[in-house]
Amino acid sequence: MPTVHILQHEPIEGPACIAEVAQLLGVTVNLVRLFDGMDVPEHIPLEDALVLMGGPMGVGDIGDSRWPFLKAEAELIGRVLRADGAVFGICLGAQLMAHALGARVYPLHVGDPPARFREVGWGAVTFAVDPDTESSLRGLNESEVVLHWHGDTFDLPEGSKLLASTLPCQNQMFRWGSRAFGLQFHVEVTAIEVATMVREDAAFVCAANGPCGGSRILAETRRWIGRYRHMGNRMIRNIFDSMLADSLPRRSVP
């Protein structure tokens, strides 16, 4: 049975429904709390999967003493990807994947002249391919409302396939090979995690959406959370199916 190794960068951005779906599938979960001093694994067996969570730091912080794990993590990601290993990155995790694949990661700007932009809150992603033709998107609509929480973006890594975009941020989801998926948006959180992020990351929310931004996100969470959790669990299951292929038992996930 494969193991999913989840690298968590800060307390408020944990694996949430990613870990829940993995456990429902009968997969072993190894949670590596990097923020708590746990070491980056030196090696991930090819039959296992590496999951990379989000966080407030960025690729530009590699080498910063506040986050000493980032350099070793980026090196591990590169080794796993070059070996055609299974990698699933969320937000910061997707940016680290893009960096490991040689793509540029940088602050998001929009408009003419360009202005700094933070994409925070509920909004639609539009899939760049027919969901019926892409294994990670099976059962989804052509567009889905998801949770955004980022101020950086990345160029599409060479050789990867673009899977989703938003108007402000073109590269929202990509697949590299058959076993690696990077998502700039979030598919893993529940209403409880959203409320925690709004509270603990209030300054970032305010910078993105103004002083009432947190209240608006909480109100929209009540509107969207039902469909979002159905969509998110389906996408997580799809990605595990693609990453781990025949290693997974056939179990249903709500």
Protein backbone atom coordinates (compact mmCIF):
# COMPACT_ATOMS: atom_id res chain seq x y z
CA MET A 1 0.00 0.00 0.00
CA PRO A 2 1.46 3.43 -0.93
CA THR A 3 2.12 6.23 1.53
CA VAL A 4 1.24 9.88 0.97
CA HIS A 5 3.94 12.13 2.44
CA ILE A 6 2.37 15.54 3.19
CA LEU A 7 4.72 18.49 3.78
CA GLN A 8 2.98 21.17 5.89
CA HIS A 9 4.59 24.62 6.01
CA GLU A 10 2.49 26.39 8.65
CA PRO A 11 -0.19 25.45 11.19
CA ILE A 12 -3.22 27.02 9.49
CA GLU A 13 -2.67 25.41 6.06
CA GLY A 14 -2.90 21.72 6.86
CA PRO A 15 -3.93 18.84 4.62
CA ALA A 16 -7.61 18.88 5.70
CA CYS A 17 -9.63 16.93 3.11
CA ILE A 18 -6.54 15.70 1.26
CA ALA A 19 -5.64 13.61 4.29
CA GLU A 20 -9.28 12.58 4.77
CA VAL A 21 -9.65 11.35 1.18
CA ALA A 22 -6.32 9.52 1.38
CA GLN A 23 -7.43 7.72 4.53
CA LEU A 24 -10.79 6.83 2.99
CA LEU A 25 -8.86 5.28 0.10
CA GLY A 26 -6.88 3.17 2.55
CA VAL A 27 -3.63 5.05 1.89
CA THR A 28 -1.16 5.64 4.72
CA VAL A 29 -0.63 9.35 5.54
CA ASN A 30 2.74 10.60 6.78
CA LEU A 31 2.32 14.23 7.90
CA VAL A 32 5.64 16.11 8.00
CA ARG A 33 5.19 19.29 10.05
CA LEU A 34 8.08 21.34 8.66
CA PHE A 35 7.06 24.43 10.64
CA ASP A 36 7.46 22.37 13.82
CA GLY A 37 11.04 21.38 13.10
CA MET A 38 10.50 18.04 11.36
CA ASP A 39 13.06 17.25 8.66
CA VAL A 40 12.35 17.20 4.94
CA PRO A 41 12.44 13.55 3.82
CA GLU A 42 15.61 12.69 1.91
CA HIS A 43 13.83 10.19 -0.33
CA ILE A 44 10.28 9.37 -1.46
CA PRO A 45 9.77 5.81 -2.79
CA LEU A 46 8.53 5.79 -6.37
CA GLU A 47 5.32 3.99 -5.36
CA ASP A 48 4.47 6.74 -2.84
CA ALA A 49 3.21 10.30 -3.37
CA LEU A 50 4.50 13.69 -2.22
CA VAL A 51 1.89 16.33 -1.29
CA LEU A 52 2.96 19.96 -0.81
CA MET A 53 0.70 22.33 1.12
CA GLY A 54 0.48 26.13 1.05
CA GLY A 55 2.04 28.79 3.23
CA PRO A 56 2.84 32.52 3.50
CA MET A 57 6.44 32.13 2.37
CA GLY A 58 7.46 31.96 -1.28
CA VAL A 59 10.07 30.65 -3.68
CA GLY A 60 11.91 33.95 -3.21
CA ASP A 61 12.38 33.00 0.45
CA ILE A 62 14.52 29.95 -0.31
CA GLY A 63 17.64 30.50 1.79
CA ASP A 64 15.84 32.69 4.35
CA SER A 65 16.71 31.57 7.89
CA ARG A 66 13.06 31.86 8.94
CA TRP A 67 12.18 28.89 6.72
CA PRO A 68 15.29 26.70 6.64
CA PHE A 69 13.38 23.75 5.16
CA LEU A 70 12.58 25.42 1.82
CA LYS A 71 15.92 24.71 0.13
CA ALA A 72 15.90 21.01 1.02
CA GLU A 73 12.23 20.78 0.05
CA ALA A 74 12.80 22.33 -3.38
CA GLU A 75 15.67 19.89 -3.97
CA LEU A 76 13.51 16.93 -2.93
CA ILE A 77 10.70 18.04 -5.28
CA GLY A 78 13.16 18.25 -8.16
CA ARG A 79 14.48 14.75 -7.49
CA VAL A 80 10.98 13.26 -7.27
CA LEU A 81 9.80 14.99 -10.45
CA ARG A 82 12.89 13.97 -12.42
CA ALA A 83 12.24 10.37 -11.39
CA ASP A 84 8.64 10.63 -12.68
CA GLY A 85 7.37 10.44 -9.12
CA ALA A 86 3.93 11.44 -7.89
CA VAL A 87 3.65 15.06 -6.68
CA PHE A 88 0.55 17.09 -5.76
CA GLY A 89 1.17 20.76 -4.94
CA ILE A 90 -1.32 23.28 -3.54
CA CYS A 91 -0.66 27.05 -3.77
CA LEU A 92 2.92 27.42 -2.45
CA GLY A 93 3.34 23.74 -3.29
CA ALA A 94 2.53 24.39 -6.95
CA GLN A 95 4.96 27.32 -7.00
CA LEU A 96 7.72 25.12 -5.57
CA MET A 97 6.95 22.53 -8.27
CA ALA A 98 7.19 25.18 -11.00
CA HIS A 99 10.50 26.39 -9.54
CA ALA A 100 11.88 22.83 -9.38
CA LEU A 101 10.95 22.41 -13.07
CA GLY A 102 12.88 25.54 -14.03
CA ALA A 103 9.96 27.98 -14.38
CA ARG A 104 9.93 31.52 -13.02
CA VAL A 105 7.88 32.31 -9.88
CA TYR A 106 7.09 35.98 -9.20
CA PRO A 107 4.55 38.44 -7.71
CA LEU A 108 1.22 38.57 -9.55
CA HIS A 109 0.47 41.81 -11.41
CA VAL A 110 -2.57 42.79 -13.49
CA GLY A 111 -3.61 45.75 -15.62
CA ASP A 112 -1.85 48.33 -17.77
CA PRO A 113 0.31 49.67 -16.27
CA PRO A 114 0.75 46.51 -14.18
CA ALA A 115 -0.29 46.74 -10.54
CA ARG A 116 0.32 44.30 -7.69
CA PHE A 117 -2.65 41.94 -7.25
CA ARG A 118 -3.57 39.41 -4.57
CA GLU A 119 -6.19 36.84 -5.56
CA VAL A 120 -7.94 36.05 -2.27
CA GLY A 121 -11.42 34.61 -1.74
CA TRP A 122 -13.99 32.67 -3.72
CA GLY A 123 -13.89 32.76 -7.50
CA ALA A 124 -14.24 30.58 -10.57
CA VAL A 125 -11.50 28.70 -12.36
CA THR A 126 -12.12 27.75 -15.96
CA PHE A 127 -10.62 24.51 -17.16
CA ALA A 128 -8.44 24.74 -20.24
CA VAL A 129 -9.39 21.24 -21.42
CA ASP A 130 -12.62 19.26 -21.59
CA PRO A 131 -12.99 17.68 -18.12
CA ASP A 132 -14.10 14.44 -19.78
CA THR A 133 -10.70 14.13 -21.48
CA GLU A 134 -8.48 14.84 -18.46
CA SER A 135 -8.25 12.25 -15.68
CA SER A 136 -7.80 14.79 -12.88
CA LEU A 137 -10.96 16.68 -13.89
CA ARG A 138 -13.42 13.84 -14.46
CA GLY A 139 -16.90 14.59 -13.14
CA LEU A 140 -16.37 18.36 -12.92
CA ASN A 141 -18.01 21.23 -14.78
CA GLU A 142 -16.17 23.39 -17.32
CA SER A 143 -15.79 26.01 -14.56
CA GLU A 144 -15.87 25.57 -10.79
CA VAL A 145 -15.82 27.99 -7.86
CA VAL A 146 -12.77 27.47 -5.67
CA LEU A 147 -10.89 29.25 -2.89
CA HIS A 148 -7.96 31.49 -3.91
CA TRP A 149 -5.32 32.67 -1.43
CA HIS A 150 -2.16 33.89 -3.14
CA GLY A 151 -0.15 36.89 -4.28
CA ASP A 152 2.42 35.12 -6.46
CA THR A 153 2.18 33.27 -9.74
CA PHE A 154 4.48 31.25 -12.00
CA ASP A 155 5.25 30.62 -15.63
CA LEU A 156 4.03 27.33 -17.01
CA PRO A 157 6.90 24.82 -16.72
CA GLU A 158 8.31 23.63 -20.03
CA GLY A 159 6.69 20.38 -21.10
CA SER A 160 3.70 20.73 -18.77
CA LYS A 161 0.02 20.99 -19.73
CA LEU A 162 -2.16 23.90 -18.63
CA LEU A 163 -5.40 22.67 -17.03
CA ALA A 164 -7.06 25.75 -15.48
CA SER A 165 -6.99 29.56 -15.48
CA THR A 166 -8.64 32.64 -14.00
CA LEU A 167 -8.80 36.11 -15.56
CA PRO A 168 -6.14 37.60 -13.22
CA CYS A 169 -3.93 34.52 -13.11
CA GLN A 170 -3.51 32.37 -16.22
CA ASN A 171 -1.58 29.47 -14.74
CA GLN A 172 -3.88 28.06 -12.07
CA MET A 173 -3.38 24.33 -12.60
CA PHE A 174 -0.94 22.23 -14.57
CA ARG A 175 0.00 18.61 -15.10
CA TRP A 176 3.58 17.55 -15.68
CA GLY A 177 3.89 14.06 -17.07
CA SER A 178 1.22 11.71 -15.81
CA ARG A 179 1.87 11.79 -12.04
CA ALA A 180 2.46 15.44 -11.06
CA PHE A 181 -0.21 18.13 -10.55
CA GLY A 182 0.20 21.74 -9.43
CA LEU A 183 -2.83 23.78 -8.25
CA GLN A 184 -2.52 27.47 -7.45
CA PHE A 185 -5.99 27.39 -5.88
CA HIS A 186 -7.21 25.39 -2.88
CA VAL A 187 -9.38 22.25 -3.02
CA GLU A 188 -8.72 20.91 0.46
CA VAL A 189 -10.27 23.19 3.08
CA THR A 190 -13.58 23.04 4.93
CA ALA A 191 -15.55 25.97 6.35
CA ILE A 192 -13.60 25.62 9.59
CA GLU A 193 -10.24 26.06 7.84
CA VAL A 194 -11.55 29.03 5.84
CA ALA A 195 -12.67 30.76 9.04
CA THR A 196 -9.24 30.12 10.59
CA MET A 197 -7.44 31.51 7.55
CA VAL A 198 -9.63 34.63 7.56
CA ARG A 199 -8.87 35.19 11.25
CA GLU A 200 -5.18 34.32 11.32
CA ASP A 201 -4.29 35.89 7.95
CA ALA A 202 -6.43 39.01 8.41
CA ALA A 203 -3.73 41.45 7.23
CA PHE A 204 -3.32 39.59 3.93
CA VAL A 205 -7.09 39.47 3.41
CA CYS A 206 -7.38 43.19 4.11
CA ALA A 207 -4.52 44.01 1.72
CA ALA A 208 -6.27 42.03 -1.00
CA ASN A 209 -9.93 42.90 -0.44
CA GLY A 210 -10.16 45.84 1.97
CA PRO A 211 -11.39 45.97 5.57
CA CYS A 212 -14.64 44.09 4.84
CA GLY A 213 -12.92 41.36 2.85
CA GLY A 214 -12.95 38.80 5.64
CA SER A 215 -16.68 39.15 6.27
CA ARG A 216 -17.37 38.78 2.56
CA ILE A 217 -15.28 35.61 2.33
CA LEU A 218 -17.14 34.09 5.29
CA ALA A 219 -20.53 34.96 3.78
CA GLU A 220 -19.53 33.48 0.43
CA THR A 221 -18.21 30.37 2.18
CA ARG A 222 -21.74 29.60 3.37
CA ARG A 223 -22.95 29.94 -0.21
CA TRP A 224 -20.30 27.85 -1.95
CA ILE A 225 -18.99 25.31 0.56
CA GLY A 226 -21.40 22.49 -0.36
CA ARG A 227 -20.55 22.38 -4.07
CA TYR A 228 -16.91 23.19 -3.32
CA ARG A 229 -16.45 20.21 -1.04
CA HIS A 230 -18.12 17.88 -3.55
CA MET A 231 -15.89 19.23 -6.32
CA GLY A 232 -12.77 19.29 -4.14
CA ASN A 233 -13.12 15.71 -2.93
CA ARG A 234 -13.74 14.55 -6.49
CA MET A 235 -10.64 16.34 -7.78
CA ILE A 236 -8.50 15.03 -4.91
CA ARG A 237 -9.68 11.49 -5.62
CA ASN A 238 -9.05 11.96 -9.34
CA ILE A 239 -5.52 13.18 -8.68
CA PHE A 240 -4.75 10.29 -6.33
CA ASP A 241 -6.08 7.89 -8.97
CA SER A 242 -3.77 9.45 -11.58
CA MET A 243 -0.72 9.60 -9.30
CA LEU A 244 -0.98 6.16 -7.75
CA ALA A 245 -2.71 4.28 -10.59
CA ASP A 246 -3.22 0.62 -9.74
CA SER A 247 -1.90 0.94 -6.17
CA LEU A 248 -5.22 2.26 -4.86
CA PRO A 249 -8.03 -0.02 -3.69
CA ARG A 250 -11.42 0.59 -5.27
CA ARG A 251 -13.28 2.50 -2.57
CA SER A 252 -15.89 5.20 -2.96
CA VAL A 253 -15.29 8.69 -1.62
CA PRO A 254 -18.23 10.99 -0.80
